Protein backbone atom coordinates (compact mmCIF):
# COMPACT_ATOMS: atom_id res chain seq x y z
CA MET A 1 56.52 208.26 146.94
CA ILE A 2 59.19 209.47 144.64
CA ALA A 3 58.48 212.93 145.59
CA VAL A 4 58.49 212.54 149.27
CA LEU A 5 61.72 210.32 149.11
CA LYS A 6 63.66 213.11 147.15
CA HIS A 7 62.08 215.99 149.66
CA GLU A 8 63.03 213.65 153.07
CA LEU A 9 66.73 213.00 151.55
CA ARG A 10 67.09 217.05 150.86
CA LEU A 11 66.17 217.73 154.54
CA TYR A 12 68.57 215.12 155.80
CA PHE A 13 71.34 216.31 153.99
CA GLN A 14 70.67 219.72 154.38
CA SER A 15 70.63 219.36 158.06
CA LEU A 16 73.34 217.61 160.15
CA THR A 17 71.10 214.53 160.73
CA ALA A 18 72.66 212.35 157.99
CA TYR A 19 76.35 213.29 159.17
CA VAL A 20 75.66 212.83 162.50
CA PHE A 21 73.86 209.52 162.06
CA GLY A 22 76.66 208.34 159.26
CA ALA A 23 79.75 210.08 161.87
CA PHE A 24 78.54 208.13 164.73
CA LEU A 25 78.12 204.63 162.85
CA LEU A 26 81.56 204.94 161.17
CA ALA A 27 83.13 205.87 164.54
CA PHE A 28 81.50 202.92 166.48
CA VAL A 29 82.36 199.88 163.89
CA GLY A 30 85.54 201.98 163.22
CA ILE A 31 86.64 201.42 167.27
CA GLY A 32 85.31 197.62 166.94
CA ALA A 33 87.42 197.22 164.51
CA MET A 34 90.19 198.42 165.96
CA LEU A 35 89.69 196.55 169.02
CA TYR A 36 89.13 193.03 167.56
CA ASN A 37 90.81 193.21 163.84
CA LEU A 38 93.65 195.27 164.82
CA GLN A 39 94.88 195.30 168.74
CA ALA A 40 93.40 191.58 169.31
CA ALA A 41 94.45 190.30 166.12
CA VAL A 42 90.79 188.65 165.89
CA SER A 43 89.92 187.59 161.82
CA ASN A 44 86.40 187.68 162.40
CA PHE A 45 84.82 191.18 161.27
CA GLU A 46 81.54 189.68 162.22
CA TYR A 47 82.37 190.09 165.81
CA VAL A 48 82.74 193.79 165.29
CA LEU A 49 78.96 194.14 163.95
CA SER A 50 77.98 192.07 167.04
CA PHE A 51 80.07 195.22 169.23
CA GLY A 52 78.70 197.69 166.86
CA SER A 53 75.01 196.56 167.25
CA MET A 54 74.50 199.06 170.43
CA VAL A 55 75.30 202.12 168.64
CA PHE A 56 71.73 201.79 167.36
CA VAL A 57 70.32 202.49 170.74
CA VAL A 58 71.47 206.40 169.92
CA ILE A 59 71.62 206.57 166.20
CA VAL A 60 68.11 205.19 164.94
CA PRO A 61 66.05 207.93 167.52
CA ILE A 62 68.56 210.67 166.41
CA LEU A 63 67.29 209.71 162.79
CA THR A 64 63.65 208.78 163.22
CA MET A 65 62.56 211.18 166.11
CA ARG A 66 61.66 213.97 163.50
CA THR A 67 59.80 212.14 160.68
CA ILE A 68 56.38 212.79 161.55
CA ALA A 69 56.67 214.54 164.72
CA GLU A 70 57.89 217.35 163.39
CA GLU A 71 55.32 217.27 160.61
CA ARG A 72 52.85 217.30 163.28
CA LYS A 73 54.38 220.12 165.28
CA GLN A 74 54.76 222.50 162.30
CA LYS A 75 51.33 221.55 161.12
CA THR A 76 52.95 220.62 157.80
CA ASP A 77 51.41 217.44 157.75
CA GLN A 78 48.30 219.12 156.40
CA LEU A 79 49.87 219.28 153.55
CA LEU A 80 50.70 215.68 153.12
CA TYR A 81 46.82 215.12 153.24
CA SER A 82 46.50 217.44 150.43
CA LEU A 83 49.29 215.74 147.81
CA PRO A 84 47.51 213.24 145.42
CA ILE A 85 49.40 210.09 146.86
CA SER A 86 48.29 207.79 149.39
CA THR A 87 49.30 208.14 153.12
CA THR A 88 51.00 204.50 152.41
CA GLU A 89 53.06 206.16 149.85
CA VAL A 90 54.27 208.76 152.57
CA ILE A 91 55.13 206.78 155.04
CA VAL A 92 56.84 204.24 152.39
CA GLY A 93 58.67 207.31 150.85
CA LYS A 94 59.70 208.44 154.21
CA TYR A 95 61.07 205.06 155.20
CA LEU A 96 62.95 204.79 152.22
CA ALA A 97 64.60 207.90 152.22
CA LEU A 98 65.61 206.70 156.41
CA VAL A 99 66.89 203.47 154.72
CA LEU A 100 69.05 205.18 152.27
CA VAL A 101 71.05 207.52 154.95
CA TYR A 102 71.23 204.58 156.41
CA MET A 103 73.00 202.46 153.72
CA ILE A 104 75.44 205.20 152.82
CA PRO A 105 77.88 204.42 155.79
CA LEU A 106 77.25 200.95 155.70
CA CYS A 107 78.25 200.84 151.97
CA LEU A 108 81.50 201.99 153.46
CA ILE A 109 81.47 199.48 155.93
CA CYS A 110 80.99 196.66 153.54
CA LEU A 111 84.51 197.46 152.30
CA TYR A 112 86.38 196.60 155.66
CA PRO A 113 86.33 192.83 155.36
CA LEU A 114 88.15 193.20 151.93
CA ILE A 115 90.71 195.78 153.30
CA PHE A 116 91.31 193.34 156.26
CA ALA A 117 91.73 190.41 153.77
CA GLN A 118 94.47 191.79 152.31
CA TYR A 119 96.35 191.05 155.37
CA GLY A 120 94.98 187.72 156.63
CA GLU A 121 92.38 185.26 156.28
CA VAL A 122 88.81 186.74 156.75
CA TYR A 123 85.92 184.83 156.75
CA LEU A 124 84.02 186.89 153.78
CA LEU A 125 80.68 184.67 153.81
CA THR A 126 80.17 185.11 157.26
CA SER A 127 81.29 188.36 157.29
CA TYR A 128 78.74 189.69 154.82
CA GLY A 129 75.92 187.50 155.95
CA SER A 130 76.46 189.43 158.93
CA LEU A 131 76.30 192.70 157.25
CA PHE A 132 73.47 191.71 155.66
CA ALA A 133 71.55 190.90 159.21
CA PHE A 134 72.97 193.89 160.28
CA PHE A 135 71.17 196.01 157.70
CA LEU A 136 68.17 194.00 158.22
CA VAL A 137 68.57 194.79 161.99
CA GLY A 138 68.68 198.65 161.23
CA ALA A 139 65.73 198.54 158.84
CA ALA A 140 63.65 197.07 161.38
CA LEU A 141 64.45 199.26 164.21
CA ILE A 142 64.10 202.34 161.41
CA ALA A 143 60.55 201.17 160.95
CA VAL A 144 59.84 200.87 165.01
CA GLY A 145 61.35 204.59 164.97
CA VAL A 146 59.18 205.73 162.44
CA PHE A 147 56.01 204.35 164.06
CA ILE A 148 56.76 205.79 167.45
CA SER A 149 57.48 209.48 165.64
CA SER A 150 53.79 209.06 164.32
CA LEU A 151 52.41 208.93 167.40
CA THR A 152 53.67 212.47 169.11
CA ASP A 153 54.50 215.88 167.77
CA ASN A 154 57.37 216.25 170.24
CA GLN A 155 60.42 214.73 169.35
CA GLY A 156 62.38 214.81 172.13
CA PHE A 157 59.64 212.42 173.54
CA ALA A 158 59.98 210.31 170.14
CA ALA A 159 63.91 210.15 170.91
CA GLY A 160 63.39 209.05 174.44
CA ILE A 161 60.60 206.10 173.99
CA GLY A 162 62.74 204.76 171.09
CA ILE A 163 66.02 204.53 173.27
CA ALA A 164 63.85 203.06 175.80
CA ALA A 165 62.23 200.77 173.44
CA ILE A 166 65.43 199.45 171.59
CA LEU A 167 67.43 199.09 175.13
CA ILE A 168 64.91 197.07 176.14
CA ASN A 169 64.96 194.65 172.94
CA TYR A 170 68.76 194.63 173.29
CA PHE A 171 68.71 193.65 176.67
CA SER A 172 65.91 191.34 176.52
CA VAL A 173 67.38 188.09 176.54
CA SER A 174 69.61 188.93 179.51
CA LEU A 175 66.35 190.46 181.36
CA ALA A 176 64.57 186.85 180.22
CA GLU A 177 66.85 185.43 183.12
CA TYR A 178 65.51 187.78 185.91
CA VAL A 179 62.01 187.63 185.00
CA SER A 180 59.42 185.36 186.45
CA ALA A 181 59.19 181.73 184.81
CA THR A 182 56.30 180.56 186.50
CA ALA A 183 52.97 179.63 184.79
CA PHE A 184 51.31 182.44 186.65
CA GLY A 185 53.70 185.21 185.89
CA SER A 186 53.57 184.36 182.15
CA ALA A 187 49.87 184.28 182.29
CA VAL A 188 50.07 187.90 184.13
CA ALA A 189 52.52 189.40 181.33
CA LEU A 190 50.09 187.99 178.65
CA PHE A 191 46.94 189.82 179.90
CA VAL A 192 49.26 193.03 179.86
CA LEU A 193 50.34 192.38 176.62
CA SER A 194 46.54 191.77 175.54
CA ALA A 195 45.65 195.14 177.26
CA LEU A 196 48.15 196.96 175.27
CA LEU A 197 47.49 195.30 172.19
CA GLY A 198 43.67 196.28 172.54
CA TRP A 199 44.87 199.71 173.40
CA LEU A 200 46.84 199.91 170.45
CA LEU A 201 44.05 198.90 168.00
CA LYS A 202 42.11 201.13 169.73
CA TYR A 203 44.01 204.21 169.33
CA LEU A 204 45.08 203.16 165.33
CA THR A 205 41.42 202.61 164.21
CA ARG A 206 39.73 204.67 166.43
CA ASN A 207 37.15 201.52 166.91
CA GLU A 208 36.51 200.93 170.56
CA ASN A 209 34.77 197.84 169.72
CA LEU A 210 37.83 196.44 167.79
CA GLY A 211 40.30 197.25 170.42
CA TYR A 212 38.33 196.29 173.39
CA GLY A 213 37.35 193.19 171.63
CA ILE A 214 40.38 191.70 170.71
CA GLY A 215 42.04 192.87 173.80
CA LEU A 216 39.41 190.92 175.71
CA GLY A 217 39.12 187.98 173.48
CA LEU A 218 42.71 187.67 173.76
CA MET A 219 42.76 187.79 177.55
CA ALA A 220 39.43 185.02 177.60
CA LEU A 221 41.40 182.64 175.27
CA THR A 222 44.76 183.10 177.78
CA THR A 223 42.50 182.32 180.49
CA VAL A 224 41.03 179.23 179.01
CA PHE A 225 44.27 177.81 177.99
CA PHE A 226 45.77 178.32 181.22
CA LEU A 227 42.71 176.57 183.42
CA VAL A 228 43.11 173.49 180.90
CA ASP A 229 46.95 173.13 181.22
CA ASP A 230 48.96 175.46 183.03
CA SER A 231 51.96 173.50 182.44
CA LYS A 232 52.43 175.25 179.08
CA PHE A 233 52.88 178.89 180.58
CA GLU A 234 56.01 177.75 182.39
CA GLY A 235 58.94 179.60 180.95
CA LEU A 236 56.85 181.19 178.60
CA LEU A 237 57.43 184.60 179.50
CA PRO A 238 61.00 184.19 179.23
CA ASP A 239 60.94 182.56 175.91
CA ILE A 240 58.79 185.27 174.27
CA MET A 241 61.56 187.87 175.44
CA LYS A 242 63.90 186.05 173.64
CA LYS A 243 62.09 185.28 170.41
CA LEU A 244 61.07 188.68 170.36
CA SER A 245 64.95 189.88 170.36
CA LEU A 246 65.97 191.21 166.85
CA PHE A 247 69.91 191.51 168.36
CA ASP A 248 69.72 187.74 169.71
CA ARG A 249 68.89 186.99 165.92
CA LEU A 250 71.81 188.92 164.49
CA GLU A 251 74.10 186.84 166.89
CA THR A 252 72.97 183.77 164.86
CA PHE A 253 74.49 185.38 161.87
CA VAL A 254 77.68 186.40 163.59
CA SER A 255 77.92 182.64 164.90
CA GLY A 256 78.47 181.72 160.85
CA VAL A 257 74.63 180.62 160.52
CA PHE A 258 72.19 182.43 157.85
CA ASP A 259 69.08 181.87 159.42
CA LEU A 260 66.12 182.50 157.02
CA THR A 261 63.61 182.40 159.86
CA ALA A 262 65.36 185.57 161.33
CA VAL A 263 65.29 187.39 158.10
CA VAL A 264 61.60 186.49 157.54
CA TYR A 265 61.14 187.74 161.27
CA PHE A 266 62.83 191.25 160.45
CA LEU A 267 60.95 191.73 157.20
CA SER A 268 57.83 191.39 159.45
CA VAL A 269 58.65 193.74 161.91
CA ILE A 270 58.93 196.40 159.62
CA VAL A 271 56.00 195.38 157.60
CA PHE A 272 53.94 195.50 160.82
CA PHE A 273 55.38 198.63 161.87
CA LEU A 274 55.14 200.70 158.63
CA PHE A 275 51.46 199.45 159.01
CA ALA A 276 50.91 200.72 162.08
CA SER A 277 52.45 204.22 161.00
CA VAL A 278 50.10 204.15 158.11
CA GLN A 279 47.15 203.67 160.39
CA SER A 280 48.32 206.25 162.88
CA LEU A 281 48.36 208.86 160.02
CA GLU A 282 45.23 207.90 158.94
CA LYS A 283 43.57 208.42 161.88
CA ARG A 284 44.86 211.88 162.51
CA ARG A 285 44.11 212.65 158.74
CA TYR A 286 40.35 211.82 159.39
CA ASN A 287 40.40 213.53 162.77
């Protein structure tokens, strides 16, 4: 795993990827600090992070698009399978390299509240709590990007899907106001999600019985619960969209509340998508 980590870090810093990523992140946060902390004379640095979170839509796909897609395109993924390490170690090594690239500009950003505190009253606990959440949001989105990259050998396609996925998550709370809140609409949405989950399991495990079984089983459970008491489905779809939003949970920290359930959610997203990436790579390995 350490060998994979070192190899990936060398590739990122020998190319422009790490520098472009760091430049975008620092520039966007710098613009936010100028607008909020300097021009508007607002002492809350956490508002800058709320503003700066939009940059993930661009920089995360740029950073993660080649992670596995490029290996598959160049056929160098075959070399990974011949190494005396497990697929899990390969994925974790690549992921940790991405997180380290992400942490370098973030360490510079951590100096901002201390600098501003020299010239006014800055709420350091809230600022660094928000920075911690900002780091976890980025780490979770990087895990999502790694998984998307594992599904294709086309970097452009991986980047496009990554941008779309992050945009949907970013605006999910706003979009929740426009989707159907009726019981029937929520039931239909759960049917679609069940079908997608079944297809994903079938794709990752190459086990049709498992994929179709879980997909149809979830559809059957949805039908039963809907027929028993459809009132529980009222407003369920908007509520799910809000609960799945990574960015909405970041706003909790910006508001000055350290939300432990949000931390658990961020870590769960990371573990889930890394596990899915391992399964995706294992599927190709045995094929």
